[in-house]
């Protein structure tokens, strides 16, 4: 396998881990779980939160409020891409070491 293919494989694995971590965080941080984030929650005063490691979206509550922070979302995306690139470089280095 070439070095660029191993980088891409590591990058995609890192990106997948980051996306799954965001889905898990949305489920665990929201009062009624993932259905609350998707707008299908049936709790009376559920609070939906999204974002890992930084929370960029929060909506709901007994006294309703809605917060969406685009700069935090962009920072969260850059963290995810950085993590994925780091995983790609590690996979590429391990591929070169094993040859």
PDB file of N, CA and C in Angstrom:
ATOM      1  N   UNK A   1       0.857  -1.178   0.000  1.00  0.00           N
ATOM      2  CA  UNK A   1       0.000   0.000   0.000  1.00  0.00           C
ATOM      3  C   UNK A   1       0.899   1.235   0.000  1.00  0.00           C
ATOM      4  N   UNK A   2       0.546   2.222  -0.780  1.00  0.00           N
ATOM      5  CA  UNK A   2       1.344   3.436  -0.848  1.00  0.00           C
ATOM      6  C   UNK A   2       1.126   4.294   0.386  1.00  0.00           C
ATOM      7  N   UNK A   3       2.039   5.242   0.573  1.00  0.00           N
ATOM      8  CA  UNK A   3       1.969   6.107   1.758  1.00  0.00           C
ATOM      9  C   UNK A   3       0.733   6.995   1.722  1.00  0.00           C
ATOM     10  N   UNK A   4       0.365   7.474   0.533  1.00  0.00           N
ATOM     11  CA  UNK A   4      -0.816   8.351   0.456  1.00  0.00           C
ATOM     12  C   UNK A   4      -2.099   7.569   0.726  1.00  0.00           C
ATOM     13  N   UNK A   5      -2.134   6.306   0.332  1.00  0.00           N
ATOM     14  CA  UNK A   5      -3.310   5.487   0.603  1.00  0.00           C
ATOM     15  C   UNK A   5      -3.424   5.201   2.097  1.00  0.00           C
ATOM     16  N   UNK A   6      -2.298   4.958   2.755  1.00  0.00           N
ATOM     17  CA  UNK A   6      -2.353   4.713   4.194  1.00  0.00           C
ATOM     18  C   UNK A   6      -2.722   5.990   4.948  1.00  0.00           C
ATOM     19  N   UNK A   7      -2.274   7.162   4.444  1.00  0.00           N
ATOM     20  CA  UNK A   7      -2.683   8.427   5.050  1.00  0.00           C
ATOM     21  C   UNK A   7      -4.190   8.610   4.922  1.00  0.00           C
ATOM     22  N   UNK A   8      -4.726   8.355   3.736  1.00  0.00           N
ATOM     23  CA  UNK A   8      -6.163   8.509   3.515  1.00  0.00           C
ATOM     24  C   UNK A   8      -6.954   7.561   4.404  1.00  0.00           C
ATOM     25  N   UNK A   9      -6.478   6.344   4.536  1.00  0.00           N
ATOM     26  CA  UNK A   9      -7.153   5.372   5.393  1.00  0.00           C
ATOM     27  C   UNK A   9      -7.155   5.849   6.853  1.00  0.00           C
ATOM     28  N   UNK A  10      -6.013   6.314   7.343  1.00  0.00           N
ATOM     29  CA  UNK A  10      -5.938   6.834   8.702  1.00  0.00           C
ATOM     30  C   UNK A  10      -6.778   8.085   8.885  1.00  0.00           C
ATOM     31  N   UNK A  11      -6.783   8.962   7.870  1.00  0.00           N
ATOM     32  CA  UNK A  11      -7.584  10.187   7.920  1.00  0.00           C
ATOM     33  C   UNK A  11      -9.063   9.857   8.031  1.00  0.00           C
ATOM     34  N   UNK A  12      -9.530   8.927   7.217  1.00  0.00           N
ATOM     35  CA  UNK A  12     -10.947   8.557   7.247  1.00  0.00           C
ATOM     36  C   UNK A  12     -11.331   7.872   8.556  1.00  0.00           C
ATOM     37  N   UNK A  13     -10.432   7.080   9.100  1.00  0.00           N
ATOM     38  CA  UNK A  13     -10.701   6.451  10.397  1.00  0.00           C
ATOM     39  C   UNK A  13     -10.780   7.518  11.483  1.00  0.00           C
ATOM     40  N   UNK A  14      -9.852   8.463  11.478  1.00  0.00           N
ATOM     41  CA  UNK A  14      -9.876   9.547  12.459  1.00  0.00           C
ATOM     42  C   UNK A  14     -11.115  10.411  12.327  1.00  0.00           C
ATOM     43  N   UNK A  15     -11.520  10.714  11.100  1.00  0.00           N
ATOM     44  CA  UNK A  15     -12.724  11.503  10.867  1.00  0.00           C
ATOM     45  C   UNK A  15     -13.969  10.750  11.333  1.00  0.00           C
ATOM     46  N   UNK A  16     -14.005   9.452  11.091  1.00  0.00           N
ATOM     47  CA  UNK A  16     -15.129   8.635  11.545  1.00  0.00           C
ATOM     48  C   UNK A  16     -15.215   8.604  13.063  1.00  0.00           C
ATOM     49  N   UNK A  17     -14.074   8.486  13.722  1.00  0.00           N
ATOM     50  CA  UNK A  17     -14.056   8.497  15.193  1.00  0.00           C
ATOM     51  C   UNK A  17     -14.575   9.828  15.712  1.00  0.00           C
ATOM     52  N   UNK A  18     -14.155  10.921  15.096  1.00  0.00           N
ATOM     53  CA  UNK A  18     -14.599  12.243  15.536  1.00  0.00           C
ATOM     54  C   UNK A  18     -16.098  12.432  15.322  1.00  0.00           C
ATOM     55  N   UNK A  19     -16.624  11.978  14.197  1.00  0.00           N
ATOM     56  CA  UNK A  19     -18.063  12.097  13.936  1.00  0.00           C
ATOM     57  C   UNK A  19     -18.853  11.248  14.918  1.00  0.00           C
ATOM     58  N   UNK A  20     -18.403  10.031  15.178  1.00  0.00           N
ATOM     59  CA  UNK A  20     -19.086   9.179  16.154  1.00  0.00           C
ATOM     60  C   UNK A  20     -19.016   9.765  17.554  1.00  0.00           C
ATOM     61  N   UNK A  21     -17.900  10.398  17.905  1.00  0.00           N
ATOM     62  CA  UNK A  21     -17.777  11.050  19.216  1.00  0.00           C
ATOM     63  C   UNK A  21     -18.763  12.205  19.325  1.00  0.00           C
ATOM     64  N   UNK A  22     -18.980  12.942  18.240  1.00  0.00           N
ATOM     65  CA  UNK A  22     -19.958  14.030  18.241  1.00  0.00           C
ATOM     66  C   UNK A  22     -21.380  13.506  18.390  1.00  0.00           C
ATOM     67  N   UNK A  23     -21.697  12.418  17.728  1.00  0.00           N
ATOM     68  CA  UNK A  23     -23.031  11.826  17.853  1.00  0.00           C
ATOM     69  C   UNK A  23     -23.249  11.309  19.266  1.00  0.00           C
ATOM     70  N   UNK A  24     -22.245  10.640  19.829  1.00  0.00           N
ATOM     71  CA  UNK A  24     -22.355  10.135  21.195  1.00  0.00           C
ATOM     72  C   UNK A  24     -22.486  11.279  22.197  1.00  0.00           C
ATOM     73  N   UNK A  25     -21.713  12.341  22.010  1.00  0.00           N
ATOM     74  CA  UNK A  25     -21.789  13.502  22.907  1.00  0.00           C
ATOM     75  C   UNK A  25     -23.158  14.162  22.820  1.00  0.00           C
ATOM     76  N   UNK A  26     -23.718  14.276  21.616  1.00  0.00           N
ATOM     77  CA  UNK A  26     -25.052  14.861  21.467  1.00  0.00           C
ATOM     78  C   UNK A  26     -26.084  14.021  22.197  1.00  0.00           C
ATOM     79  N   UNK A  27     -25.932  12.708  22.125  1.00  0.00           N
ATOM     80  CA  UNK A  27     -26.871  11.821  22.817  1.00  0.00           C
ATOM     81  C   UNK A  27     -26.737  11.937  24.335  1.00  0.00           C
ATOM     82  N   UNK A  28     -25.510  11.962  24.826  1.00  0.00           N
ATOM     83  CA  UNK A  28     -25.288  11.977  26.272  1.00  0.00           C
ATOM     84  C   UNK A  28     -25.520  13.352  26.899  1.00  0.00           C
ATOM     85  N   UNK A  29     -25.261  14.423  26.166  1.00  0.00           N
ATOM     86  CA  UNK A  29     -25.414  15.771  26.720  1.00  0.00           C
ATOM     87  C   UNK A  29     -26.847  16.292  26.662  1.00  0.00           C
ATOM     88  N   UNK A  30     -27.648  15.762  25.742  1.00  0.00           N
ATOM     89  CA  UNK A  30     -29.034  16.206  25.616  1.00  0.00           C
ATOM     90  C   UNK A  30     -29.887  15.499  26.654  1.00  0.00           C
ATOM     91  N   UNK A  31     -30.892  16.211  27.160  1.00  0.00           N
ATOM     92  CA  UNK A  31     -31.722  15.650  28.220  1.00  0.00           C
ATOM     93  C   UNK A  31     -32.479  14.403  27.780  1.00  0.00           C
ATOM     94  N   UNK A  32     -33.000  14.402  26.586  1.00  0.00           N
ATOM     95  CA  UNK A  32     -33.772  13.254  26.099  1.00  0.00           C
ATOM     96  C   UNK A  32     -33.010  12.455  25.044  1.00  0.00           C
ATOM     97  N   UNK A  33     -31.716  12.605  24.987  1.00  0.00           N
ATOM     98  CA  UNK A  33     -30.900  11.833  24.068  1.00  0.00           C
ATOM     99  C   UNK A  33     -30.906  12.381  22.653  1.00  0.00           C
ATOM    100  N   UNK A  34     -30.518  11.536  21.734  1.00  0.00           N
ATOM    101  CA  UNK A  34     -30.392  11.927  20.336  1.00  0.00           C
ATOM    102  C   UNK A  34     -31.717  12.346  19.694  1.00  0.00           C
ATOM    103  N   UNK A  35     -32.865  11.763  20.061  1.00  0.00           N
ATOM    104  CA  UNK A  35     -34.120  12.256  19.473  1.00  0.00           C
ATOM    105  C   UNK A  35     -34.370  13.744  19.744  1.00  0.00           C
ATOM    106  N   UNK A  36     -33.898  14.252  20.869  1.00  0.00           N
ATOM    107  CA  UNK A  36     -34.068  15.682  21.167  1.00  0.00           C
ATOM    108  C   UNK A  36     -33.282  16.534  20.175  1.00  0.00           C
ATOM    109  N   UNK A  37     -32.090  16.101  19.805  1.00  0.00           N
ATOM    110  CA  UNK A  37     -31.269  16.857  18.843  1.00  0.00           C
ATOM    111  C   UNK A  37     -31.912  16.821  17.462  1.00  0.00           C
ATOM    112  N   UNK A  38     -32.531  15.702  17.132  1.00  0.00           N
ATOM    113  CA  UNK A  38     -33.167  15.551  15.826  1.00  0.00           C
ATOM    114  C   UNK A  38     -34.565  16.165  15.780  1.00  0.00           C
ATOM    115  N   UNK A  39     -35.030  16.742  16.908  1.00  0.00           N
ATOM    116  CA  UNK A  39     -36.337  17.376  16.949  1.00  0.00           C
ATOM    117  C   UNK A  39     -37.484  16.412  17.149  1.00  0.00           C
ATOM    118  N   UNK A  40     -37.188  15.184  17.588  1.00  0.00           N
ATOM    119  CA  UNK A  40     -38.227  14.183  17.783  1.00  0.00           C
ATOM    120  C   UNK A  40     -38.373  13.791  19.247  1.00  0.00           C
ATOM    121  N   UNK A  41     -37.816  14.595  20.162  1.00  0.00           N
ATOM    122  CA  UNK A  41     -37.892  14.285  21.586  1.00  0.00           C
ATOM    123  C   UNK A  41     -39.277  14.561  22.138  1.00  0.00           C
ATOM    124  N   UNK A  42     -39.704  13.747  23.079  1.00  0.00           N
ATOM    125  CA  UNK A  42     -41.033  13.898  23.647  1.00  0.00           C
ATOM    126  C   UNK A  42     -40.984  14.332  25.107  1.00  0.00           C
ATOM    127  N   UNK A  43     -39.849  14.805  25.574  1.00  0.00           N
ATOM    128  CA  UNK A  43     -39.757  15.310  26.939  1.00  0.00           C
ATOM    129  C   UNK A  43     -40.381  16.708  26.989  1.00  0.00           C
ATOM    130  N   UNK A  44     -40.917  17.058  28.132  1.00  0.00           N
ATOM    131  CA  UNK A  44     -41.597  18.348  28.271  1.00  0.00           C
ATOM    132  C   UNK A  44     -40.629  19.520  28.189  1.00  0.00           C
ATOM    133  N   UNK A  45     -39.481  19.404  28.804  1.00  0.00           N
ATOM    134  CA  UNK A  45     -38.535  20.525  28.831  1.00  0.00           C
ATOM    135  C   UNK A  45     -37.130  20.072  28.444  1.00  0.00           C
ATOM    136  N   UNK A  46     -37.042  19.270  27.405  1.00  0.00           N
ATOM    137  CA  UNK A  46     -35.743  18.740  27.002  1.00  0.00           C
ATOM    138  C   UNK A  46     -34.845  19.842  26.466  1.00  0.00           C
ATOM    139  N   UNK A  47     -33.562  19.666  26.720  1.00  0.00           N
ATOM    140  CA  UNK A  47     -32.549  20.574  26.191  1.00  0.00           C
ATOM    141  C   UNK A  47     -31.673  19.761  25.244  1.00  0.00           C
ATOM    142  N   UNK A  48     -31.601  20.197  24.009  1.00  0.00           N
ATOM    143  CA  UNK A  48     -30.779  19.525  23.009  1.00  0.00           C
ATOM    144  C   UNK A  48     -29.450  20.259  22.906  1.00  0.00           C
ATOM    145  N   UNK A  49     -28.362  19.499  22.988  1.00  0.00           N
ATOM    146  CA  UNK A  49     -27.017  20.068  22.868  1.00  0.00           C
ATOM    147  C   UNK A  49     -26.238  19.287  21.822  1.00  0.00           C
ATOM    148  N   UNK A  50     -25.379  19.986  21.087  1.00  0.00           N
ATOM    149  CA  UNK A  50     -24.540  19.337  20.087  1.00  0.00           C
ATOM    150  C   UNK A  50     -23.157  19.956  20.121  1.00  0.00           C
ATOM    151  N   UNK A  51     -22.170  19.111  19.858  1.00  0.00           N
ATOM    152  CA  UNK A  51     -20.792  19.569  19.770  1.00  0.00           C
ATOM    153  C   UNK A  51     -19.863  18.796  20.673  1.00  0.00           C
ATOM    154  N   UNK A  52     -18.742  18.389  20.116  1.00  0.00           N
ATOM    155  CA  UNK A  52     -17.672  17.764  20.881  1.00  0.00           C
ATOM    156  C   UNK A  52     -16.363  18.145  20.227  1.00  0.00           C
ATOM    157  N   UNK A  53     -15.415  18.640  20.909  1.00  0.00           N
ATOM    158  CA  UNK A  53     -15.293  18.857  22.342  1.00  0.00           C
ATOM    159  C   UNK A  53     -15.941  20.150  22.822  1.00  0.00           C
ATOM    160  N   UNK A  54     -16.364  21.010  21.904  1.00  0.00           N
ATOM    161  CA  UNK A  54     -16.978  22.284  22.288  1.00  0.00           C
ATOM    162  C   UNK A  54     -18.459  22.263  21.901  1.00  0.00           C
ATOM    163  N   UNK A  55     -19.323  22.697  22.799  1.00  0.00           N
ATOM    164  CA  UNK A  55     -20.758  22.718  22.525  1.00  0.00           C
ATOM    165  C   UNK A  55     -21.087  23.991  21.736  1.00  0.00           C
ATOM    166  N   UNK A  56     -21.586  23.820  20.508  1.00  0.00           N
ATOM    167  CA  UNK A  56     -21.900  24.960  19.654  1.00  0.00           C
ATOM    168  C   UNK A  56     -23.397  25.170  19.481  1.00  0.00           C
ATOM    169  N   UNK A  57     -24.218  24.229  19.945  1.00  0.00           N
ATOM    170  CA  UNK A  57     -25.669  24.327  19.779  1.00  0.00           C
ATOM    171  C   UNK A  57     -26.358  23.901  21.059  1.00  0.00           C
ATOM    172  N   UNK A  58     -27.308  24.717  21.503  1.00  0.00           N
ATOM    173  CA  UNK A  58     -28.126  24.379  22.663  1.00  0.00           C
ATOM    174  C   UNK A  58     -29.501  24.982  22.446  1.00  0.00           C
ATOM    175  N   UNK A  59     -30.530  24.150  22.625  1.00  0.00           N
ATOM    176  CA  UNK A  59     -31.888  24.614  22.380  1.00  0.00           C
ATOM    177  C   UNK A  59     -32.850  23.885  23.299  1.00  0.00           C
ATOM    178  N   UNK A  60     -33.828  24.614  23.792  1.00  0.00           N
ATOM    179  CA  UNK A  60     -34.885  24.001  24.589  1.00  0.00           C
ATOM    180  C   UNK A  60     -34.887  24.506  26.012  1.00  0.00           C
ATOM    181  N   UNK A  61     -35.488  23.714  26.872  1.00  0.00           N
ATOM    182  CA  UNK A  61     -35.605  24.078  28.272  1.00  0.00           C
ATOM    183  C   UNK A  61     -36.988  24.588  28.600  1.00  0.00           C
ATOM    184  N   UNK A  62     -37.295  24.638  29.884  1.00  0.00           N
ATOM    185  CA  UNK A  62     -38.602  25.112  30.320  1.00  0.00           C
ATOM    186  C   UNK A  62     -38.811  26.566  29.917  1.00  0.00           C
ATOM    187  N   UNK A  63     -37.822  27.399  30.163  1.00  0.00           N
ATOM    188  CA  UNK A  63     -37.814  28.769  29.633  1.00  0.00           C
ATOM    189  C   UNK A  63     -37.001  28.690  28.345  1.00  0.00           C
ATOM    190  N   UNK A  64     -37.676  28.500  27.219  1.00  0.00           N
ATOM    191  CA  UNK A  64     -37.033  28.165  25.947  1.00  0.00           C
ATOM    192  C   UNK A  64     -35.939  29.161  25.584  1.00  0.00           C
ATOM    193  N   UNK A  65     -34.828  28.604  25.126  1.00  0.00           N
ATOM    194  CA  UNK A  65     -33.747  29.423  24.581  1.00  0.00           C
ATOM    195  C   UNK A  65     -33.089  28.646  23.453  1.00  0.00           C
ATOM    196  N   UNK A  66     -32.501  29.367  22.556  1.00  0.00           N
ATOM    197  CA  UNK A  66     -31.831  28.760  21.417  1.00  0.00           C
ATOM    198  C   UNK A  66     -30.492  29.459  21.214  1.00  0.00           C
ATOM    199  N   UNK A  67     -29.424  28.682  21.281  1.00  0.00           N
ATOM    200  CA  UNK A  67     -28.077  29.226  21.121  1.00  0.00           C
ATOM    201  C   UNK A  67     -27.368  28.430  20.029  1.00  0.00           C
ATOM    202  N   UNK A  68     -26.887  29.138  19.022  1.00  0.00           N
ATOM    203  CA  UNK A  68     -26.052  28.544  17.983  1.00  0.00           C
ATOM    204  C   UNK A  68     -24.860  29.462  17.796  1.00  0.00           C
ATOM    205  N   UNK A  69     -23.647  28.916  17.943  1.00  0.00           N
ATOM    206  CA  UNK A  69     -22.434  29.723  17.899  1.00  0.00           C
ATOM    207  C   UNK A  69     -21.566  29.270  16.718  1.00  0.00           C
ATOM    208  N   UNK A  70     -21.653  29.948  15.563  1.00  0.00           N
ATOM    209  CA  UNK A  70     -20.880  29.541  14.383  1.00  0.00           C
ATOM    210  C   UNK A  70     -19.359  29.518  14.581  1.00  0.00           C
ATOM    211  N   UNK A  71     -18.746  30.492  15.284  1.00  0.00           N
ATOM    212  CA  UNK A  71     -17.287  30.399  15.464  1.00  0.00           C
ATOM    213  C   UNK A  71     -16.861  29.143  16.242  1.00  0.00           C
ATOM    214  N   UNK A  72     -17.659  28.750  17.225  1.00  0.00           N
ATOM    215  CA  UNK A  72     -17.344  27.529  17.972  1.00  0.00           C
ATOM    216  C   UNK A  72     -17.526  26.308  17.075  1.00  0.00           C
ATOM    217  N   UNK A  73     -18.538  26.333  16.201  1.00  0.00           N
ATOM    218  CA  UNK A  73     -18.730  25.244  15.239  1.00  0.00           C
ATOM    219  C   UNK A  73     -17.518  25.119  14.321  1.00  0.00           C
ATOM    220  N   UNK A  74     -17.024  26.254  13.800  1.00  0.00           N
ATOM    221  CA  UNK A  74     -15.842  26.215  12.932  1.00  0.00           C
ATOM    222  C   UNK A  74     -14.616  25.699  13.678  1.00  0.00           C
ATOM    223  N   UNK A  75     -14.447  26.123  14.928  1.00  0.00           N
ATOM    224  CA  UNK A  75     -13.341  25.635  15.733  1.00  0.00           C
ATOM    225  C   UNK A  75     -13.469  24.132  15.973  1.00  0.00           C
ATOM    226  N   UNK A  76     -14.676  23.671  16.209  1.00  0.00           N
ATOM    227  CA  UNK A  76     -14.927  22.248  16.397  1.00  0.00           C
ATOM    228  C   UNK A  76     -14.589  21.461  15.124  1.00  0.00           C
ATOM    229  N   UNK A  77     -14.949  22.011  13.973  1.00  0.00           N
ATOM    230  CA  UNK A  77     -14.629  21.365  12.699  1.00  0.00           C
ATOM    231  C   UNK A  77     -13.114  21.306  12.485  1.00  0.00           C
ATOM    232  N   UNK A  78     -12.415  22.405  12.781  1.00  0.00           N
ATOM    233  CA  UNK A  78     -10.957  22.410  12.633  1.00  0.00           C
ATOM    234  C   UNK A  78     -10.290  21.421  13.585  1.00  0.00           C
ATOM    235  N   UNK A  79     -10.813  21.285  14.795  1.00  0.00           N
ATOM    236  CA  UNK A  79     -10.288  20.288  15.727  1.00  0.00           C
ATOM    237  C   UNK A  79     -10.477  18.893  15.151  1.00  0.00           C
ATOM    238  N   UNK A  80     -11.647  18.632  14.590  1.00  0.00           N
ATOM    239  CA  UNK A  80     -11.923  17.327  13.980  1.00  0.00           C
ATOM    240  C   UNK A  80     -11.019  17.032  12.801  1.00  0.00           C
ATOM    241  N   UNK A  81     -10.825  18.028  11.942  1.00  0.00           N
ATOM    242  CA  UNK A  81      -9.931  17.831  10.792  1.00  0.00           C
ATOM    243  C   UNK A  81      -8.484  17.657  11.239  1.00  0.00           C
ATOM    244  N   UNK A  82      -8.090  18.388  12.279  1.00  0.00           N
ATOM    245  CA  UNK A  82      -6.737  18.222  12.814  1.00  0.00           C
ATOM    246  C   UNK A  82      -6.529  16.835  13.401  1.00  0.00           C
ATOM    247  N   UNK A  83      -7.544  16.339  14.127  1.00  0.00           N
ATOM    248  CA  UNK A  83      -7.460  14.987  14.677  1.00  0.00           C
ATOM    249  C   UNK A  83      -7.384  13.951  13.559  1.00  0.00           C
ATOM    250  N   UNK A  84      -8.192  14.138  12.515  1.00  0.00           N
ATOM    251  CA  UNK A  84      -8.171  13.207  11.388  1.00  0.00           C
ATOM    252  C   UNK A  84      -6.820  13.245  10.666  1.00  0.00           C
ATOM    253  N   UNK A  85      -6.250  14.443  10.492  1.00  0.00           N
ATOM    254  CA  UNK A  85      -4.937  14.557   9.844  1.00  0.00           C
ATOM    255  C   UNK A  85      -3.858  13.903  10.702  1.00  0.00           C
ATOM    256  N   UNK A  86      -3.942  14.070  12.011  1.00  0.00           N
ATOM    257  CA  UNK A  86      -2.984  13.421  12.911  1.00  0.00           C
ATOM    258  C   UNK A  86      -3.081  11.903  12.784  1.00  0.00           C
ATOM    259  N   UNK A  87      -4.291  11.379  12.728  1.00  0.00           N
ATOM    260  CA  UNK A  87      -4.468   9.931  12.543  1.00  0.00           C
ATOM    261  C   UNK A  87      -3.893   9.480  11.201  1.00  0.00           C
ATOM    262  N   UNK A  88      -4.066  10.314  10.167  1.00  0.00           N
ATOM    263  CA  UNK A  88      -3.505   9.990   8.856  1.00  0.00           C
ATOM    264  C   UNK A  88      -1.994   9.970   8.875  1.00  0.00           C
ATOM    265  N   UNK A  89      -1.359  10.939   9.534  1.00  0.00           N
ATOM    266  CA  UNK A  89       0.101  10.955   9.626  1.00  0.00           C
ATOM    267  C   UNK A  89       0.627   9.770  10.431  1.00  0.00           C
ATOM    268  N   UNK A  90      -0.074   9.408  11.489  1.00  0.00           N
ATOM    269  CA  UNK A  90       0.344   8.255  12.290  1.00  0.00           C
ATOM    270  C   UNK A  90       0.236   6.982  11.466  1.00  0.00           C
ATOM    271  N   UNK A  91      -0.846   6.825  10.703  1.00  0.00           N
ATOM    272  CA  UNK A  91      -1.000   5.640   9.854  1.00  0.00           C
ATOM    273  C   UNK A  91       0.077   5.599   8.775  1.00  0.00           C
ATOM    274  N   UNK A  92       0.407   6.753   8.198  1.00  0.00           N
ATOM    275  CA  UNK A  92       1.437   6.822   7.175  1.00  0.00           C
ATOM    276  C   UNK A  92       2.802   6.460   7.759  1.00  0.00           C
ATOM    277  N   UNK A  93       3.102   6.971   8.957  1.00  0.00           N
ATOM    278  CA  UNK A  93       4.386   6.666   9.598  1.00  0.00           C
ATOM    279  C   UNK A  93       4.487   5.188   9.941  1.00  0.00           C
ATOM    280  N   UNK A  94       3.392   4.610  10.429  1.00  0.00           N
ATOM    281  CA  UNK A  94       3.411   3.188  10.752  1.00  0.00           C
ATOM    282  C   UNK A  94       3.572   2.329   9.502  1.00  0.00           C
ATOM    283  N   UNK A  95       2.996   2.764   8.400  1.00  0.00           N
ATOM    284  CA  UNK A  95       3.136   2.033   7.137  1.00  0.00           C
ATOM    285  C   UNK A  95       4.600   2.063   6.671  1.00  0.00           C
ATOM    286  N   UNK A  96       5.247   3.226   6.773  1.00  0.00           N
ATOM    287  CA  UNK A  96       6.649   3.323   6.368  1.00  0.00           C
ATOM    288  C   UNK A  96       7.545   2.490   7.284  1.00  0.00           C
ATOM    289  N   UNK A  97       7.211   2.471   8.576  1.00  0.00           N
ATOM    290  CA  UNK A  97       8.016   1.716   9.541  1.00  0.00           C
ATOM    291  C   UNK A  97       7.894   0.212   9.306  1.00  0.00           C
ATOM    292  N   UNK A  98       6.738  -0.250   8.862  1.00  0.00           N
ATOM    293  CA  UNK A  98       6.513  -1.689   8.666  1.00  0.00           C
ATOM    294  C   UNK A  98       7.047  -2.207   7.343  1.00  0.00           C
ATOM    295  N   UNK A  99       7.527  -1.335   6.480  1.00  0.00           N
ATOM    296  CA  UNK A  99       8.049  -1.803   5.183  1.00  0.00           C
ATOM    297  C   UNK A  99       9.442  -2.324   5.285  1.00  0.00           C
TER     298      UNK A  99
END
